[in-house]
Amino acid sequence: MANNAKSRRQERIEKQKKNSRKWIATGAAAVILLCGGAIAYTNITGDKQPSTTSGQTVPAACSTTQAVTVATTEPMAAALKAMLVDEDTCITLDITTDKTASDVLTESTSGTATTNLWIPDSTTRAELAMSEANTGLTPLAESLAQTPGVIVSEDNTSYGTWLEALKAEGTVSMGDPKEDSGAFAALLGGISEASAGTVSLEDLTSGTALRAQSIGVTEAAQSATELLTAVDNGTKDAAIVTEADYAAYASAHADSGLTATVPGDGSFALNYPLYQASSSNNTTIDEAAQQIINFMGSEDGKQALAAAGLRAADGQELEGDYSVGSFTALAPSNQDVLTQVWTSYSLQSAPLNALVVLDASGSMLLPVAGTDKSRMDITVESVLAGSQLFPARDSMGLWKFSRDLTLPDGSVSDYQELVPVRGFEETVDGKTQRVLLQEAGSGIAATIDPNGFTALYDTTLAAFRSAKENYAYGSVNAVIVLTDGENHDDNSISQEELISTIQAEQDPANPVFIIMIGVSEDADMNALTTIAQGVGGEAHMASAPTDVQRIFAEALTGISDAAAQQ
């Protein structure tokens, strides 16, 4: 039997050598399509057997290789690199770690997939992404490995729940849950606690709002290695990462003194499923998937996982000093809670694309009780303060409105664009958008006609339509109206018509949110609240410029929660 097998192998090698000459004649490498799946075939010449781009060593018996692309995380990529190339199939893995779940699903739905296999950190992440993309991928393995979320510090920092850790944004740092494994595990830990009733849903959504709105604002979202380095050198108190991240860092920095804990005794465990990312019946992709599954279940595979800081699929504790030990596995038992919190967090962490509309009617010159300021003073100061609060990733434009305004071209309108919507750091004629907004806002008061009336309803509808026409995908799109809430225009649409028209024209898949801000305690909040509630927006009152930060945070939280419940 052994001699026959050797003979067959020798025949195959000789055949491959003959075939290699054909490959040389037509080119050293080619990409061909097999049943819709793109596979790279590469000819190998010379005596030295090279490594693949992912670090795998190619056996001498392979004169050509077939590369299957795999998208995954860095810890899983490290484990995959230890997988030997099978000399019978000569399938190699082209591994990438720079694609998000959104990237993979976008490729799949657009028909431009360059990824054959996908190993995300969690089935939950994959299912959320597939739901958002309104598509599905074929699951090939439920779990290849496990790793829990942990909190790393030098002083053994402990928290009773994941919610407590998530709320401690000033003490406990983490990455962006949409991309970072540890941050995702932490958020899922909080969602699991809310699902089980350990914490309230309201506490979770409000407790994570500030963290969501500050992601990537004061500093770029950091990787696990960057976070652990910061904790190690004392510039951060604690960081949320995965056990795999911690094990990899601690083993490379044995003198760091960092310790890992989980809140209480529970954590959400990432499970590393395997999906086919391209719609193909390609047998090479199928074979590569099976080889990955077999390897991860083997002793060699488990050793490779452990070397990368990952537990095997059975969750057995890591050996050595860098394991968090046993823990209670948390899981979100309520799908509605999971969807609502994830949607709310995603919206609150997205960039803002806003059109701010200021009331410039005569009533805005009235004084605000208890102050030496007019309604317009409060409004303008709020805009000026707000323009300094928003990060560079956000965009904002400015209108003013009053009935029968004379525009620069001589025409008459109820509203006027002062500054088009642009990114805050975009520059026009040497001035940033922030400066342009401040200059335009500061000049409004001097243009107010004391006898001017308000065209609130017509202007709100026009602003909504403008925002819809200039919709920024991937951002929270909003119209923010600052007014005293009165509409003095007999020729305008009615409040009921305003609400019904916006309801009819709103695109649920790409909504424009309406935020009504009443200026001073004298504002007609009943009217503003009626409009906001009718169109799925928010209404708030500002009595001082310093209210603006609170209002925007509350408004975005309210809008996000409402959208998540739809």
Protein backbone atom coordinates (compact mmCIF):
# COMPACT_ATOMS: atom_id res chain seq x y z
CA MET A 1 0.00 0.00 0.00
CA ALA A 2 2.80 2.38 0.90
CA ASN A 3 4.67 1.66 -2.32
CA ASN A 4 1.51 2.22 -4.40
CA ALA A 5 0.86 5.49 -2.63
CA LYS A 6 4.42 6.60 -3.22
CA SER A 7 4.12 5.69 -6.86
CA ARG A 8 0.93 7.70 -7.27
CA ARG A 9 2.53 10.70 -5.56
CA GLN A 10 5.58 10.44 -7.82
CA GLU A 11 3.33 10.27 -10.88
CA ARG A 12 1.48 13.35 -9.70
CA ILE A 13 4.73 15.24 -9.14
CA GLU A 14 5.98 14.33 -12.60
CA LYS A 15 2.67 15.44 -14.08
CA GLN A 16 2.87 18.73 -12.21
CA LYS A 17 6.38 19.31 -13.57
CA LYS A 18 5.05 18.85 -17.09
CA ASN A 19 2.13 21.13 -16.39
CA SER A 20 4.47 23.76 -14.97
CA ARG A 21 6.10 24.16 -18.36
CA LYS A 22 2.66 25.01 -19.76
CA TRP A 23 2.21 27.61 -17.04
CA ILE A 24 5.60 29.14 -17.84
CA ALA A 25 4.61 29.39 -21.49
CA THR A 26 1.44 31.30 -20.69
CA GLY A 27 2.67 33.29 -17.70
CA ALA A 28 3.92 32.66 -14.19
CA ALA A 29 0.55 33.40 -12.61
CA ALA A 30 -3.05 33.71 -13.68
CA VAL A 31 -6.43 34.33 -12.14
CA ILE A 32 -9.25 32.21 -13.47
CA LEU A 33 -12.92 31.90 -12.64
CA LEU A 34 -14.32 28.59 -11.52
CA CYS A 35 -18.09 28.59 -11.07
CA GLY A 36 -18.04 32.24 -10.04
CA GLY A 37 -15.22 32.04 -7.45
CA ALA A 38 -11.96 33.84 -8.17
CA ILE A 39 -8.93 31.66 -7.36
CA ALA A 40 -5.32 32.70 -7.99
CA TYR A 41 -3.12 29.99 -9.50
CA THR A 42 0.63 30.56 -9.20
CA ASN A 43 3.47 28.67 -10.87
CA ILE A 44 6.55 27.98 -8.76
CA THR A 45 10.02 27.66 -10.29
CA GLY A 46 13.44 27.02 -8.81
CA ASP A 47 14.63 24.71 -6.06
CA LYS A 48 13.74 26.91 -3.06
CA GLN A 49 10.15 26.47 -1.92
CA PRO A 50 8.77 29.91 -1.06
CA SER A 51 6.35 31.06 1.60
CA THR A 52 2.93 32.44 0.77
CA THR A 53 2.08 36.08 1.42
CA SER A 54 0.52 34.86 4.67
CA GLY A 55 3.65 33.01 5.78
CA GLN A 56 2.72 29.44 4.91
CA THR A 57 5.53 27.26 3.55
CA VAL A 58 4.76 25.66 0.18
CA PRO A 59 5.74 21.95 -0.04
CA ALA A 60 8.25 20.85 -2.68
CA ALA A 61 5.58 18.70 -4.30
CA CYS A 62 3.55 21.79 -5.27
CA SER A 63 4.67 23.25 -8.59
CA THR A 64 1.52 25.37 -8.68
CA THR A 65 -0.68 26.65 -5.88
CA GLN A 66 -4.27 27.77 -5.57
CA ALA A 67 -4.77 30.76 -3.26
CA VAL A 68 -8.05 31.12 -1.37
CA THR A 69 -8.61 34.54 0.23
CA VAL A 70 -9.62 34.65 3.90
CA ALA A 71 -10.72 37.73 5.86
CA THR A 72 -10.40 37.49 9.64
CA THR A 73 -8.95 39.09 12.79
CA GLU A 74 -5.28 39.32 13.71
CA PRO A 75 -5.32 36.55 16.38
CA MET A 76 -7.06 34.11 14.03
CA ALA A 77 -4.73 35.12 11.20
CA ALA A 78 -1.75 34.24 13.39
CA ALA A 79 -3.21 30.79 14.03
CA LEU A 80 -4.02 30.20 10.36
CA LYS A 81 -0.44 30.96 9.34
CA ALA A 82 0.66 27.84 11.23
CA MET A 83 -1.53 25.64 9.01
CA LEU A 84 0.60 23.56 6.65
CA VAL A 85 -0.13 23.65 2.92
CA ASP A 86 -1.49 20.27 1.87
CA GLU A 87 0.77 18.78 -0.82
CA ASP A 88 -2.12 16.98 -2.48
CA THR A 89 -4.29 20.07 -3.06
CA CYS A 90 -1.59 22.79 -2.86
CA ILE A 91 -4.21 25.25 -1.57
CA THR A 92 -2.71 28.30 0.14
CA LEU A 93 -4.44 30.97 2.18
CA ASP A 94 -4.22 34.65 1.29
CA ILE A 95 -5.15 36.14 4.67
CA THR A 96 -6.23 39.74 5.27
CA THR A 97 -7.06 41.41 8.59
CA ASP A 98 -8.07 44.87 7.37
CA LYS A 99 -11.66 44.20 6.28
CA THR A 100 -14.60 45.05 8.51
CA ALA A 101 -17.86 43.13 8.53
CA SER A 102 -19.35 45.95 6.48
CA ASP A 103 -16.56 45.61 3.91
CA VAL A 104 -17.15 41.88 3.47
CA LEU A 105 -20.93 42.24 3.19
CA THR A 106 -20.68 45.19 0.80
CA GLU A 107 -18.45 43.14 -1.49
CA SER A 108 -20.82 40.21 -1.32
CA THR A 109 -23.97 42.20 -2.13
CA SER A 110 -22.29 44.16 -4.93
CA GLY A 111 -21.00 41.03 -6.64
CA THR A 112 -17.39 42.24 -6.37
CA ALA A 113 -16.26 39.88 -3.61
CA THR A 114 -12.51 39.40 -3.40
CA THR A 115 -12.90 37.43 -0.18
CA ASN A 116 -13.64 33.70 -0.50
CA LEU A 117 -13.91 32.80 3.19
CA TRP A 118 -14.74 34.98 6.19
CA ILE A 119 -13.92 34.23 9.82
CA PRO A 120 -15.43 37.10 11.86
CA ASP A 121 -14.84 37.24 15.59
CA SER A 122 -18.46 36.47 16.41
CA THR A 123 -21.60 34.94 14.96
CA THR A 124 -23.51 37.82 16.55
CA ARG A 125 -21.43 40.38 14.68
CA ALA A 126 -21.91 38.49 11.43
CA GLU A 127 -25.68 38.24 11.87
CA LEU A 128 -26.01 41.94 12.75
CA ALA A 129 -23.98 42.88 9.67
CA MET A 130 -25.99 40.58 7.43
CA SER A 131 -29.22 42.04 8.77
CA GLU A 132 -28.01 45.59 8.08
CA ALA A 133 -26.90 44.60 4.57
CA ASN A 134 -30.13 42.67 3.98
CA THR A 135 -28.21 39.64 2.78
CA GLY A 136 -26.93 36.31 4.03
CA LEU A 137 -23.77 34.24 3.79
CA THR A 138 -23.44 30.47 3.93
CA PRO A 139 -22.22 29.29 7.37
CA LEU A 140 -19.62 26.52 7.19
CA ALA A 141 -18.60 26.15 10.85
CA GLU A 142 -20.28 27.39 14.02
CA SER A 143 -17.04 27.96 15.94
CA LEU A 144 -13.33 27.58 15.27
CA ALA A 145 -12.09 29.19 18.49
CA GLN A 146 -13.14 31.26 21.50
CA THR A 147 -11.92 34.27 23.45
CA PRO A 148 -13.73 36.35 26.10
CA GLY A 149 -13.70 40.09 26.57
CA VAL A 150 -11.54 41.22 29.52
CA ILE A 151 -10.54 44.39 31.38
CA VAL A 152 -6.78 44.86 31.67
CA SER A 153 -5.07 47.09 34.24
CA GLU A 154 -2.03 47.19 36.49
CA ASP A 155 -4.01 47.25 39.73
CA ASN A 156 -6.46 44.42 39.07
CA THR A 157 -9.34 46.84 38.41
CA SER A 158 -12.70 45.15 38.93
CA TYR A 159 -16.30 46.04 38.13
CA GLY A 160 -19.55 44.39 39.14
CA THR A 161 -21.07 44.49 35.65
CA TRP A 162 -20.05 45.23 32.09
CA LEU A 163 -22.37 48.24 32.19
CA GLU A 164 -20.29 49.75 35.00
CA ALA A 165 -17.16 49.33 32.89
CA LEU A 166 -18.84 50.76 29.79
CA LYS A 167 -20.04 53.81 31.74
CA ALA A 168 -16.52 54.47 33.05
CA GLU A 169 -15.35 56.04 29.78
CA GLY A 170 -12.95 58.31 31.65
CA THR A 171 -11.18 55.36 33.28
CA VAL A 172 -11.67 52.33 31.05
CA SER A 173 -10.65 52.81 27.41
CA MET A 174 -11.75 50.67 24.49
CA GLY A 175 -11.82 50.62 20.70
CA ASP A 176 -14.76 50.94 18.34
CA PRO A 177 -17.21 48.01 18.77
CA LYS A 178 -17.98 48.13 15.04
CA GLU A 179 -14.39 47.03 14.36
CA ASP A 180 -12.69 46.02 17.60
CA SER A 181 -13.22 42.55 19.10
CA GLY A 182 -12.73 43.50 22.75
CA ALA A 183 -15.07 46.50 22.54
CA PHE A 184 -17.69 44.38 20.77
CA ALA A 185 -17.46 41.71 23.49
CA ALA A 186 -17.87 44.40 26.17
CA LEU A 187 -20.96 45.88 24.52
CA LEU A 188 -22.42 42.38 24.09
CA GLY A 189 -21.68 41.75 27.76
CA GLY A 190 -23.78 44.79 28.65
CA ILE A 191 -26.53 43.71 26.25
CA SER A 192 -26.51 40.25 27.83
CA GLU A 193 -26.92 41.81 31.27
CA ALA A 194 -29.85 43.93 30.04
CA SER A 195 -31.42 40.88 28.39
CA ALA A 196 -31.21 38.99 31.68
CA GLY A 197 -32.53 41.92 33.72
CA THR A 198 -29.27 42.34 35.64
CA VAL A 199 -29.21 45.96 34.47
CA SER A 200 -31.98 48.03 32.90
CA LEU A 201 -32.16 48.72 29.18
CA GLU A 202 -32.50 52.45 29.89
CA ASP A 203 -29.32 52.45 31.97
CA LEU A 204 -27.46 50.61 29.23
CA THR A 205 -28.49 52.93 26.38
CA SER A 206 -27.94 56.11 28.38
CA GLY A 207 -24.79 54.77 29.99
CA THR A 208 -23.14 54.02 26.68
CA ALA A 209 -24.33 57.16 24.87
CA LEU A 210 -21.37 59.37 25.78
CA ARG A 211 -18.90 56.63 24.88
CA ALA A 212 -20.62 56.12 21.54
CA GLN A 213 -20.63 59.83 20.73
CA SER A 214 -16.95 60.22 21.67
CA ILE A 215 -15.58 57.27 19.65
CA GLY A 216 -12.85 58.62 17.38
CA VAL A 217 -13.54 62.23 18.44
CA THR A 218 -10.93 63.26 21.00
CA GLU A 219 -8.47 60.75 19.54
CA ALA A 220 -8.50 58.13 16.82
CA ALA A 221 -9.98 54.79 17.85
CA GLN A 222 -7.06 52.73 19.11
CA SER A 223 -6.15 49.10 18.48
CA ALA A 224 -5.86 46.57 21.29
CA THR A 225 -2.06 46.74 21.16
CA GLU A 226 -2.13 50.54 21.40
CA LEU A 227 -4.53 50.42 24.34
CA LEU A 228 -2.46 47.83 26.19
CA THR A 229 0.72 49.79 25.57
CA ALA A 230 -0.95 52.90 27.01
CA VAL A 231 -2.04 51.00 30.13
CA ASP A 232 1.43 49.51 30.44
CA ASN A 233 3.16 52.90 30.32
CA GLY A 234 0.62 54.50 32.64
CA THR A 235 -1.10 56.91 30.25
CA LYS A 236 -4.38 54.98 30.56
CA ASP A 237 -5.83 53.33 33.68
CA ALA A 238 -7.48 50.31 32.10
CA ALA A 239 -8.48 48.93 28.71
CA ILE A 240 -11.10 46.57 27.36
CA VAL A 241 -9.59 43.98 25.01
CA THR A 242 -9.94 40.24 24.43
CA GLU A 243 -8.13 37.56 26.37
CA ALA A 244 -6.28 36.78 23.13
CA ASP A 245 -5.10 40.41 22.86
CA TYR A 246 -3.98 40.36 26.48
CA ALA A 247 -2.19 37.00 26.19
CA ALA A 248 -0.33 38.08 23.05
CA TYR A 249 0.79 41.37 24.61
CA ALA A 250 1.67 39.96 28.03
CA SER A 251 3.69 37.08 26.58
CA ALA A 252 5.71 39.59 24.54
CA HIS A 253 6.12 41.92 27.55
CA ALA A 254 6.66 39.54 30.44
CA ASP A 255 7.66 42.35 32.82
CA SER A 256 4.55 44.45 32.18
CA GLY A 257 2.68 43.44 35.32
CA LEU A 258 -0.70 43.77 33.59
CA THR A 259 -3.60 41.67 34.85
CA ALA A 260 -6.90 40.72 33.22
CA THR A 261 -10.30 40.40 34.89
CA VAL A 262 -13.96 40.11 33.93
CA PRO A 263 -16.79 42.02 35.67
CA GLY A 264 -18.38 39.80 38.29
CA ASP A 265 -17.52 36.41 36.90
CA GLY A 266 -19.03 36.67 33.41
CA SER A 267 -18.06 37.67 29.89
CA PHE A 268 -19.30 37.38 26.34
CA ALA A 269 -17.16 34.87 24.43
CA LEU A 270 -16.37 35.53 20.78
CA ASN A 271 -16.73 32.27 18.84
CA TYR A 272 -15.05 32.75 15.43
CA PRO A 273 -17.47 31.12 12.95
CA LEU A 274 -16.57 30.37 9.33
CA TYR A 275 -18.61 31.66 6.36
CA GLN A 276 -18.34 31.39 2.61
CA ALA A 277 -18.15 35.01 1.55
CA SER A 278 -18.53 34.63 -2.22
CA SER A 279 -21.52 33.09 -3.97
CA SER A 280 -19.72 30.20 -5.61
CA ASN A 281 -19.81 26.44 -5.93
CA ASN A 282 -16.04 26.39 -6.27
CA THR A 283 -14.71 23.10 -4.92
CA THR A 284 -11.34 24.68 -4.14
CA ILE A 285 -13.01 27.09 -1.70
CA ASP A 286 -14.95 24.19 -0.18
CA GLU A 287 -11.75 22.19 0.22
CA ALA A 288 -9.93 25.13 1.81
CA ALA A 289 -12.79 25.60 4.29
CA GLN A 290 -12.69 21.93 5.25
CA GLN A 291 -8.93 22.06 5.72
CA ILE A 292 -9.32 25.04 8.06
CA ILE A 293 -12.03 23.25 10.06
CA ASN A 294 -9.94 20.08 10.33
CA PHE A 295 -6.83 21.99 11.34
CA MET A 296 -8.54 24.00 14.09
CA GLY A 297 -9.93 20.80 15.59
CA SER A 298 -6.56 19.03 15.55
CA GLU A 299 -3.90 19.12 18.26
CA ASP A 300 -1.64 21.16 15.98
CA GLY A 301 -4.47 23.59 15.42
CA LYS A 302 -5.23 23.93 19.12
CA GLN A 303 -1.56 24.62 19.77
CA ALA A 304 -1.58 27.28 17.04
CA LEU A 305 -4.68 28.86 18.58
CA ALA A 306 -3.10 28.86 22.04
CA ALA A 307 0.06 30.46 20.65
CA ALA A 308 -2.17 33.24 19.29
CA GLY A 309 -3.92 33.59 22.67
CA LEU A 310 -7.14 31.93 21.50
CA ARG A 311 -8.99 29.12 23.21
CA ALA A 312 -10.10 26.11 21.20
CA ALA A 313 -13.75 25.92 20.16
CA ASP A 314 -14.59 23.97 23.33
CA GLY A 315 -13.56 26.98 25.44
CA GLN A 316 -10.95 25.15 27.49
CA GLU A 317 -8.83 27.54 29.57
CA LEU A 318 -5.48 28.68 28.22
CA GLU A 319 -2.48 27.24 30.00
CA GLY A 320 0.09 29.55 31.54
CA ASP A 321 -0.06 32.90 33.29
CA TYR A 322 -2.06 34.87 30.76
CA SER A 323 -5.51 33.32 31.04
CA VAL A 324 -8.44 34.97 32.75
CA GLY A 325 -9.44 31.49 33.89
CA SER A 326 -12.95 30.14 34.05
CA PHE A 327 -15.89 32.49 33.60
CA THR A 328 -19.65 32.42 33.17
CA ALA A 329 -20.51 32.75 29.49
CA LEU A 330 -22.90 35.65 28.88
CA ALA A 331 -25.23 35.73 25.88
CA PRO A 332 -27.94 38.18 24.72
CA SER A 333 -31.13 36.21 25.31
CA ASN A 334 -33.45 38.91 23.95
CA GLN A 335 -33.06 39.62 20.23
CA ASP A 336 -35.07 42.85 20.47
CA VAL A 337 -32.73 44.22 23.15
CA LEU A 338 -29.71 43.24 21.06
CA THR A 339 -31.05 44.94 17.93
CA GLN A 340 -32.18 48.08 19.76
CA VAL A 341 -28.92 48.67 21.64
CA TRP A 342 -26.71 47.88 18.64
CA THR A 343 -28.71 50.19 16.36
CA SER A 344 -28.73 52.94 18.96
CA TYR A 345 -24.98 52.67 19.53
CA SER A 346 -24.25 52.59 15.80
CA LEU A 347 -26.30 55.73 15.17
CA GLN A 348 -24.80 57.62 18.08
CA SER A 349 -21.26 56.77 17.01
CA ALA A 350 -21.86 57.81 13.39
CA PRO A 351 -20.80 61.22 12.02
CA LEU A 352 -23.40 64.00 12.09
CA ASN A 353 -24.53 65.70 8.88
CA ALA A 354 -26.71 68.60 10.01
CA LEU A 355 -28.47 71.63 8.60
CA VAL A 356 -29.00 74.23 11.34
CA VAL A 357 -31.89 76.63 10.77
CA LEU A 358 -32.08 79.81 12.89
CA ASP A 359 -35.20 81.88 13.47
CA ALA A 360 -34.42 85.47 12.41
CA SER A 361 -37.90 86.94 12.90
CA GLY A 362 -38.64 90.03 14.98
CA SER A 363 -39.84 88.01 17.98
CA MET A 364 -36.30 86.69 18.42
CA LEU A 365 -35.25 90.18 19.59
CA LEU A 366 -37.43 89.86 22.69
CA PRO A 367 -35.51 89.56 25.97
CA VAL A 368 -35.11 86.26 27.79
CA ALA A 369 -36.56 86.52 31.29
CA GLY A 370 -33.95 86.70 34.03
CA THR A 371 -31.10 87.56 31.67
CA ASP A 372 -29.73 90.55 29.81
CA LYS A 373 -29.88 88.62 26.54
CA SER A 374 -32.40 88.40 23.74
CA ARG A 375 -33.66 85.17 22.23
CA MET A 376 -31.37 85.77 19.28
CA ASP A 377 -28.38 86.25 21.60
CA ILE A 378 -29.07 82.85 23.15
CA THR A 379 -29.56 81.30 19.71
CA VAL A 380 -26.41 82.69 18.14
CA GLU A 381 -24.27 81.93 21.18
CA SER A 382 -25.62 78.37 21.12
CA VAL A 383 -24.61 77.96 17.49
CA LEU A 384 -21.18 79.46 18.12
CA ALA A 385 -20.66 77.15 21.08
CA GLY A 386 -21.96 74.18 19.13
CA SER A 387 -19.65 74.82 16.21
CA GLN A 388 -16.73 74.33 18.60
CA LEU A 389 -18.12 71.16 20.17
CA PHE A 390 -18.54 69.04 17.07
CA PRO A 391 -15.55 66.97 15.89
CA ALA A 392 -13.89 67.19 12.50
CA ARG A 393 -15.77 64.13 11.24
CA ASP A 394 -19.09 66.01 11.42
CA SER A 395 -20.65 68.33 8.82
CA MET A 396 -22.92 71.34 9.29
CA GLY A 397 -24.56 74.12 7.31
CA LEU A 398 -26.56 77.21 8.32
CA TRP A 399 -29.83 78.84 7.23
CA LYS A 400 -31.79 81.73 8.68
CA PHE A 401 -35.52 82.20 8.25
CA SER A 402 -38.09 84.98 8.49
CA ARG A 403 -41.09 85.75 6.32
CA ASP A 404 -40.38 87.61 3.07
CA LEU A 405 -36.60 87.85 3.30
CA THR A 406 -34.92 89.75 0.49
CA LEU A 407 -32.11 87.58 -0.85
CA PRO A 408 -28.83 88.88 -2.35
CA ASP A 409 -30.15 88.34 -5.88
CA GLY A 410 -33.21 90.49 -5.16
CA SER A 411 -35.69 87.62 -4.91
CA VAL A 412 -37.92 87.10 -1.88
CA SER A 413 -38.02 83.94 0.23
CA ASP A 414 -38.93 82.76 3.72
CA TYR A 415 -35.44 81.33 4.28
CA GLN A 416 -31.86 81.95 3.18
CA GLU A 417 -28.82 79.68 3.00
CA LEU A 418 -25.91 81.37 4.76
CA VAL A 419 -23.36 78.52 4.70
CA PRO A 420 -23.77 75.26 2.72
CA VAL A 421 -23.36 71.98 4.58
CA ARG A 422 -19.67 71.02 4.68
CA GLY A 423 -17.24 69.18 6.94
CA PHE A 424 -16.07 71.31 9.86
CA GLU A 425 -12.47 71.25 8.71
CA GLU A 426 -13.20 71.91 5.03
CA THR A 427 -11.64 75.16 3.87
CA VAL A 428 -13.14 77.83 1.59
CA ASP A 429 -11.03 80.87 0.65
CA GLY A 430 -8.64 80.11 3.48
CA LYS A 431 -11.34 79.79 6.14
CA THR A 432 -12.54 76.57 7.77
CA GLN A 433 -16.21 75.72 7.95
CA ARG A 434 -16.13 76.42 11.70
CA VAL A 435 -14.99 79.98 11.06
CA LEU A 436 -17.55 80.49 8.29
CA LEU A 437 -20.35 79.28 10.58
CA GLN A 438 -19.22 81.60 13.36
CA GLU A 439 -19.00 84.60 11.05
CA ALA A 440 -22.40 83.94 9.50
CA GLY A 441 -24.05 83.29 12.87
CA SER A 442 -22.59 86.43 14.43
CA GLY A 443 -23.97 88.58 11.64
CA ILE A 444 -27.61 87.44 11.79
CA ALA A 445 -28.78 89.71 14.62
CA ALA A 446 -27.89 92.87 12.69
CA THR A 447 -30.10 91.79 9.78
CA ILE A 448 -33.28 91.15 11.77
CA ASP A 449 -36.35 93.23 10.93
CA PRO A 450 -38.11 93.98 14.25
CA ASN A 451 -41.41 93.67 12.38
CA GLY A 452 -40.44 90.44 10.63
CA PHE A 453 -42.68 87.42 11.03
CA THR A 454 -41.88 83.71 11.26
CA ALA A 455 -42.41 81.20 8.47
CA LEU A 456 -41.64 78.17 10.62
CA TYR A 457 -43.66 75.51 8.79
CA ASP A 458 -42.62 76.33 5.22
CA THR A 459 -38.99 76.64 6.29
CA THR A 460 -38.94 73.36 8.21
CA LEU A 461 -40.32 71.53 5.19
CA ALA A 462 -37.82 73.19 2.85
CA ALA A 463 -34.94 72.33 5.18
CA PHE A 464 -36.08 68.71 5.39
CA ARG A 465 -36.20 68.44 1.61
CA SER A 466 -32.77 70.03 1.28
CA ALA A 467 -31.28 67.61 3.81
CA LYS A 468 -32.92 64.69 2.04
CA GLU A 469 -31.54 65.84 -1.32
CA ASN A 470 -28.04 66.16 0.14
CA TYR A 471 -28.19 62.98 2.22
CA ALA A 472 -24.83 61.70 3.53
CA TYR A 473 -24.83 57.92 3.73
CA GLY A 474 -23.17 56.50 6.83
CA SER A 475 -23.99 59.62 8.85
CA VAL A 476 -26.84 60.73 11.09
CA ASN A 477 -28.64 63.26 8.90
CA ALA A 478 -30.57 65.93 10.78
CA VAL A 479 -32.31 69.29 10.52
CA ILE A 480 -31.86 71.35 13.70
CA VAL A 481 -34.31 74.23 14.05
CA LEU A 482 -33.73 76.89 16.74
CA THR A 483 -36.83 79.06 17.17
CA ASP A 484 -39.31 80.55 19.60
CA GLY A 485 -41.87 78.16 18.16
CA GLU A 486 -44.34 80.60 16.67
CA ASN A 487 -45.54 80.51 13.04
CA HIS A 488 -46.89 83.82 11.72
CA ASP A 489 -47.65 83.18 8.07
CA ASP A 490 -51.25 82.99 6.88
CA ASN A 491 -50.13 81.75 3.46
CA SER A 492 -48.02 78.86 4.72
CA ILE A 493 -48.91 75.21 5.03
CA SER A 494 -50.55 74.21 8.29
CA GLN A 495 -48.86 72.33 11.09
CA GLU A 496 -50.85 69.23 10.15
CA GLU A 497 -49.77 69.55 6.50
CA LEU A 498 -46.14 69.94 7.57
CA ILE A 499 -46.26 66.76 9.61
CA SER A 500 -48.15 64.69 7.05
CA THR A 501 -45.90 65.84 4.19
CA ILE A 502 -42.69 64.93 6.02
CA GLN A 503 -44.20 61.60 7.01
CA ALA A 504 -45.03 60.88 3.37
CA GLU A 505 -41.65 61.97 2.00
CA GLN A 506 -39.47 60.44 4.70
CA ASP A 507 -37.35 57.47 3.57
CA PRO A 508 -37.33 54.99 6.49
CA ALA A 509 -34.13 53.40 5.20
CA ASN A 510 -32.36 56.77 4.98
CA PRO A 511 -34.14 59.05 7.46
CA VAL A 512 -33.62 62.75 8.06
CA PHE A 513 -34.22 63.49 11.74
CA ILE A 514 -35.84 66.72 12.90
CA ILE A 515 -34.60 68.34 16.14
CA MET A 516 -36.65 71.32 17.32
CA ILE A 517 -34.95 73.55 19.91
CA GLY A 518 -37.09 76.12 21.66
CA VAL A 519 -35.12 79.24 22.58
CA SER A 520 -35.87 80.45 26.14
CA GLU A 521 -38.61 79.42 28.53
CA ASP A 522 -41.00 81.59 26.53
CA ALA A 523 -40.74 79.31 23.49
CA ASP A 524 -43.90 77.58 22.33
CA MET A 525 -42.75 74.09 23.29
CA ASN A 526 -46.20 72.63 22.70
CA ALA A 527 -45.99 73.49 19.00
CA LEU A 528 -42.40 72.29 18.68
CA THR A 529 -43.12 69.05 20.52
CA THR A 530 -46.15 68.36 18.34
CA ILE A 531 -44.06 68.78 15.19
CA ALA A 532 -41.15 66.71 16.51
CA GLN A 533 -43.30 63.85 17.74
CA GLY A 534 -45.28 63.85 14.53
CA VAL A 535 -42.19 63.36 12.36
CA GLY A 536 -40.21 61.07 14.67
CA GLY A 537 -37.89 63.78 15.95
CA GLU A 538 -37.00 65.43 19.25
CA ALA A 539 -37.97 68.72 20.91
CA HIS A 540 -35.87 70.44 23.61
CA MET A 541 -35.64 73.84 25.27
CA ALA A 542 -32.47 75.93 25.56
CA SER A 543 -32.37 78.73 28.11
CA ALA A 544 -28.62 79.29 27.93
CA PRO A 545 -25.86 78.70 25.38
CA THR A 546 -24.37 76.03 27.63
CA ASP A 547 -27.52 73.96 27.16
CA VAL A 548 -26.53 73.11 23.61
CA GLN A 549 -24.14 70.25 24.47
CA ARG A 550 -26.72 68.62 26.71
CA ILE A 551 -29.45 69.10 24.12
CA PHE A 552 -27.51 67.54 21.27
CA ALA A 553 -26.52 64.56 23.42
CA GLU A 554 -30.10 64.05 24.61
CA ALA A 555 -31.56 64.57 21.14
CA LEU A 556 -29.21 62.12 19.45
CA THR A 557 -29.83 59.57 22.19
CA GLY A 558 -33.59 59.95 21.83
CA ILE A 559 -33.47 59.76 18.04
CA SER A 560 -31.20 56.73 18.12
CA ASP A 561 -33.40 54.89 20.59
CA ALA A 562 -36.52 55.68 18.57
CA ALA A 563 -34.90 54.52 15.35
CA ALA A 564 -33.68 51.33 17.01
CA GLN A 565 -37.21 50.48 18.11
CA GLN A 566 -38.66 50.85 14.60
